[in-house]
Amino acid sequence: MVGGKRFYHRSEIAALESLLRCLASPADENACVALLRSPLFGFTDEELLLHRSRGGVFSYLRPASGRMGKAFTTLRDWHGPLRGLSPS
């Protein structure tokens, strides 16, 4: 296997892990923040702080506006079909 022992330390693998963790547990705000900060969405700490300071929560099942709202809509779209799939 290309990548060897460091395969799981690659940024794209870490981003995929964050995505799967967030989709598996919508109420896990830590997983959501990790995903939003990842290269898949690229939110800055300032954007995340601004969202929180406006009373926002980091659950894509809740409404949001602007760029955060678009990210949450994408995650909801991915979440729905995945709920019916088996792990394989």
N, C-alpha and C. Protein backbone atom coordinates (compact mmCIF):
# COMPACT_ATOMS: atom_id res chain seq x y z
N MET A 1 0.84 -1.17 0.00
CA MET A 1 0.00 0.00 0.00
C MET A 1 0.89 1.24 0.00
N VAL A 2 0.57 2.15 -0.86
CA VAL A 2 1.31 3.40 -0.91
C VAL A 2 0.90 4.24 0.29
N GLY A 3 1.85 4.79 0.98
CA GLY A 3 1.57 5.62 2.14
C GLY A 3 2.03 4.98 3.43
N GLY A 4 2.03 3.68 3.46
CA GLY A 4 2.54 2.95 4.61
C GLY A 4 1.90 3.36 5.93
N LYS A 5 2.74 3.45 6.95
CA LYS A 5 2.27 3.74 8.31
C LYS A 5 1.68 5.14 8.44
N ARG A 6 2.07 6.04 7.59
CA ARG A 6 1.61 7.43 7.69
C ARG A 6 0.34 7.69 6.87
N PHE A 7 -0.24 6.66 6.32
CA PHE A 7 -1.42 6.81 5.47
C PHE A 7 -2.52 7.58 6.19
N TYR A 8 -2.80 7.23 7.44
CA TYR A 8 -3.89 7.86 8.18
C TYR A 8 -3.55 9.25 8.69
N HIS A 9 -2.33 9.69 8.50
CA HIS A 9 -1.92 11.04 8.90
C HIS A 9 -2.01 12.03 7.73
N ARG A 10 -2.33 11.53 6.55
CA ARG A 10 -2.45 12.40 5.38
C ARG A 10 -3.66 13.31 5.55
N SER A 11 -3.54 14.53 5.08
CA SER A 11 -4.61 15.52 5.30
C SER A 11 -5.93 15.10 4.66
N GLU A 12 -5.88 14.48 3.48
CA GLU A 12 -7.13 14.10 2.83
C GLU A 12 -7.82 12.94 3.57
N ILE A 13 -7.05 12.07 4.19
CA ILE A 13 -7.63 10.98 4.97
C ILE A 13 -8.23 11.53 6.27
N ALA A 14 -7.53 12.47 6.89
CA ALA A 14 -8.06 13.11 8.10
C ALA A 14 -9.35 13.87 7.78
N ALA A 15 -9.42 14.54 6.63
CA ALA A 15 -10.63 15.26 6.23
C ALA A 15 -11.78 14.29 5.99
N LEU A 16 -11.50 13.17 5.35
CA LEU A 16 -12.53 12.16 5.12
C LEU A 16 -13.02 11.58 6.45
N GLU A 17 -12.11 11.35 7.37
CA GLU A 17 -12.50 10.85 8.70
C GLU A 17 -13.40 11.86 9.40
N SER A 18 -13.08 13.15 9.30
CA SER A 18 -13.93 14.19 9.90
C SER A 18 -15.32 14.19 9.27
N LEU A 19 -15.37 14.03 7.96
CA LEU A 19 -16.65 13.99 7.26
C LEU A 19 -17.50 12.82 7.74
N LEU A 20 -16.91 11.65 7.79
CA LEU A 20 -17.67 10.47 8.21
C LEU A 20 -18.11 10.56 9.67
N ARG A 21 -17.26 11.11 10.50
CA ARG A 21 -17.60 11.27 11.92
C ARG A 21 -18.77 12.24 12.08
N CYS A 22 -18.74 13.32 11.33
CA CYS A 22 -19.79 14.33 11.40
C CYS A 22 -21.11 13.77 10.87
N LEU A 23 -21.06 13.06 9.76
CA LEU A 23 -22.29 12.49 9.20
C LEU A 23 -22.88 11.41 10.09
N ALA A 24 -22.03 10.68 10.79
CA ALA A 24 -22.50 9.61 11.67
C ALA A 24 -23.15 10.15 12.94
N SER A 25 -22.74 11.35 13.36
CA SER A 25 -23.26 11.89 14.61
C SER A 25 -23.54 13.39 14.47
N PRO A 26 -24.70 13.76 13.95
CA PRO A 26 -25.02 15.17 13.71
C PRO A 26 -24.99 16.05 14.96
N ALA A 27 -25.17 15.48 16.14
CA ALA A 27 -25.17 16.27 17.37
C ALA A 27 -23.77 16.52 17.92
N ASP A 28 -22.76 15.92 17.34
CA ASP A 28 -21.37 16.07 17.81
C ASP A 28 -20.78 17.35 17.24
N GLU A 29 -20.83 18.41 18.04
CA GLU A 29 -20.35 19.71 17.57
C GLU A 29 -18.85 19.70 17.30
N ASN A 30 -18.09 18.94 18.07
CA ASN A 30 -16.64 18.86 17.83
C ASN A 30 -16.35 18.28 16.45
N ALA A 31 -17.07 17.24 16.07
CA ALA A 31 -16.89 16.62 14.76
C ALA A 31 -17.27 17.60 13.66
N CYS A 32 -18.34 18.35 13.88
CA CYS A 32 -18.79 19.32 12.89
C CYS A 32 -17.76 20.44 12.70
N VAL A 33 -17.24 20.95 13.80
CA VAL A 33 -16.22 22.01 13.72
C VAL A 33 -14.96 21.50 13.02
N ALA A 34 -14.54 20.29 13.37
CA ALA A 34 -13.35 19.71 12.71
C ALA A 34 -13.57 19.61 11.21
N LEU A 35 -14.75 19.20 10.80
CA LEU A 35 -15.06 19.10 9.38
C LEU A 35 -15.09 20.47 8.72
N LEU A 36 -15.74 21.43 9.36
CA LEU A 36 -15.83 22.77 8.78
C LEU A 36 -14.46 23.42 8.63
N ARG A 37 -13.53 23.10 9.53
CA ARG A 37 -12.16 23.65 9.46
C ARG A 37 -11.29 22.90 8.45
N SER A 38 -11.72 21.72 8.05
CA SER A 38 -10.92 20.88 7.15
C SER A 38 -10.89 21.48 5.74
N PRO A 39 -10.01 20.95 4.89
CA PRO A 39 -9.95 21.43 3.51
C PRO A 39 -11.24 21.21 2.73
N LEU A 40 -12.12 20.33 3.20
CA LEU A 40 -13.37 20.09 2.49
C LEU A 40 -14.28 21.31 2.51
N PHE A 41 -14.26 22.08 3.60
CA PHE A 41 -15.08 23.29 3.69
C PHE A 41 -14.25 24.55 3.89
N GLY A 42 -13.16 24.48 4.58
CA GLY A 42 -12.22 25.59 4.68
C GLY A 42 -12.67 26.80 5.48
N PHE A 43 -13.50 26.61 6.48
CA PHE A 43 -13.89 27.75 7.32
C PHE A 43 -12.73 28.15 8.22
N THR A 44 -12.61 29.44 8.46
CA THR A 44 -11.58 29.93 9.36
C THR A 44 -12.11 29.94 10.79
N ASP A 45 -11.20 30.04 11.74
CA ASP A 45 -11.61 30.13 13.14
C ASP A 45 -12.48 31.36 13.37
N GLU A 46 -12.18 32.44 12.68
CA GLU A 46 -12.95 33.67 12.82
C GLU A 46 -14.39 33.47 12.35
N GLU A 47 -14.57 32.77 11.23
CA GLU A 47 -15.92 32.49 10.74
C GLU A 47 -16.70 31.62 11.71
N LEU A 48 -16.03 30.64 12.29
CA LEU A 48 -16.68 29.76 13.25
C LEU A 48 -17.07 30.53 14.52
N LEU A 49 -16.17 31.39 14.98
CA LEU A 49 -16.46 32.20 16.16
C LEU A 49 -17.62 33.15 15.90
N LEU A 50 -17.65 33.75 14.73
CA LEU A 50 -18.74 34.65 14.37
C LEU A 50 -20.08 33.90 14.35
N HIS A 51 -20.08 32.70 13.80
CA HIS A 51 -21.30 31.89 13.78
C HIS A 51 -21.78 31.61 15.21
N ARG A 52 -20.86 31.22 16.08
CA ARG A 52 -21.22 30.91 17.47
C ARG A 52 -21.69 32.17 18.20
N SER A 53 -21.00 33.30 17.97
CA SER A 53 -21.36 34.54 18.67
C SER A 53 -22.74 35.06 18.27
N ARG A 54 -23.21 34.64 17.11
CA ARG A 54 -24.56 35.00 16.66
C ARG A 54 -25.62 34.02 17.16
N GLY A 55 -25.20 33.13 18.04
CA GLY A 55 -26.14 32.16 18.61
C GLY A 55 -26.24 30.88 17.81
N GLY A 56 -25.36 30.71 16.83
CA GLY A 56 -25.39 29.51 15.99
C GLY A 56 -24.84 28.30 16.71
N VAL A 57 -25.31 27.15 16.30
CA VAL A 57 -24.79 25.88 16.82
C VAL A 57 -24.13 25.14 15.66
N PHE A 58 -23.28 24.20 16.00
CA PHE A 58 -22.58 23.44 14.98
C PHE A 58 -23.24 22.08 14.81
N SER A 59 -24.46 22.12 14.31
CA SER A 59 -25.21 20.93 13.95
C SER A 59 -25.87 21.23 12.61
N TYR A 60 -25.54 20.45 11.61
CA TYR A 60 -26.08 20.72 10.28
C TYR A 60 -27.57 20.41 10.15
N LEU A 61 -28.16 19.85 11.20
CA LEU A 61 -29.60 19.63 11.18
C LEU A 61 -30.37 20.88 11.59
N ARG A 62 -29.65 21.89 12.07
CA ARG A 62 -30.26 23.17 12.46
C ARG A 62 -30.05 24.18 11.34
N PRO A 63 -30.94 25.15 11.19
CA PRO A 63 -30.79 26.14 10.13
C PRO A 63 -29.62 27.10 10.39
N ALA A 64 -29.06 27.60 9.33
CA ALA A 64 -28.00 28.62 9.39
C ALA A 64 -28.10 29.44 8.12
N SER A 65 -27.41 30.56 8.10
CA SER A 65 -27.47 31.43 6.92
C SER A 65 -26.09 31.58 6.29
N GLY A 66 -26.08 32.15 5.12
CA GLY A 66 -24.83 32.44 4.42
C GLY A 66 -24.06 31.19 4.03
N ARG A 67 -22.76 31.32 4.06
CA ARG A 67 -21.88 30.23 3.68
C ARG A 67 -22.05 29.01 4.60
N MET A 68 -22.27 29.28 5.89
CA MET A 68 -22.49 28.20 6.85
C MET A 68 -23.78 27.46 6.50
N GLY A 69 -24.79 28.18 6.11
CA GLY A 69 -26.05 27.56 5.71
C GLY A 69 -25.88 26.66 4.50
N LYS A 70 -25.07 27.09 3.55
CA LYS A 70 -24.80 26.26 2.36
C LYS A 70 -24.05 24.98 2.75
N ALA A 71 -23.10 25.10 3.65
CA ALA A 71 -22.36 23.93 4.12
C ALA A 71 -23.30 22.97 4.84
N PHE A 72 -24.16 23.49 5.69
CA PHE A 72 -25.11 22.65 6.42
C PHE A 72 -26.09 21.97 5.47
N THR A 73 -26.52 22.67 4.43
CA THR A 73 -27.42 22.07 3.44
C THR A 73 -26.73 20.91 2.73
N THR A 74 -25.48 21.10 2.37
CA THR A 74 -24.72 20.03 1.73
C THR A 74 -24.61 18.82 2.65
N LEU A 75 -24.32 19.05 3.92
CA LEU A 75 -24.19 17.96 4.87
C LEU A 75 -25.53 17.25 5.09
N ARG A 76 -26.62 18.00 5.12
CA ARG A 76 -27.95 17.37 5.25
C ARG A 76 -28.25 16.50 4.02
N ASP A 77 -27.87 17.00 2.85
CA ASP A 77 -28.08 16.24 1.62
C ASP A 77 -27.29 14.93 1.64
N TRP A 78 -26.09 14.94 2.19
CA TRP A 78 -25.26 13.74 2.27
C TRP A 78 -25.73 12.82 3.40
N HIS A 79 -26.24 13.42 4.47
CA HIS A 79 -26.65 12.65 5.65
C HIS A 79 -27.85 11.74 5.34
N GLY A 80 -28.85 12.25 4.66
CA GLY A 80 -30.07 11.50 4.41
C GLY A 80 -29.84 10.14 3.77
N PRO A 81 -29.24 10.07 2.61
CA PRO A 81 -29.05 8.77 1.95
C PRO A 81 -28.13 7.83 2.74
N LEU A 82 -27.18 8.36 3.48
CA LEU A 82 -26.24 7.50 4.20
C LEU A 82 -26.89 6.75 5.35
N ARG A 83 -27.97 7.27 5.90
CA ARG A 83 -28.60 6.64 7.06
C ARG A 83 -29.12 5.25 6.73
N GLY A 84 -29.47 4.99 5.47
CA GLY A 84 -30.01 3.70 5.10
C GLY A 84 -28.99 2.69 4.60
N LEU A 85 -27.73 3.09 4.55
CA LEU A 85 -26.69 2.19 4.03
C LEU A 85 -26.06 1.34 5.12
N SER A 86 -25.66 0.15 4.75
CA SER A 86 -24.92 -0.69 5.70
C SER A 86 -23.45 -0.26 5.67
N PRO A 87 -22.67 -0.61 6.67
CA PRO A 87 -21.25 -0.23 6.69
C PRO A 87 -20.46 -0.71 5.46
N SER A 88 -20.87 -1.84 4.91
CA SER A 88 -20.14 -2.34 3.74
C SER A 88 -20.46 -1.50 2.53
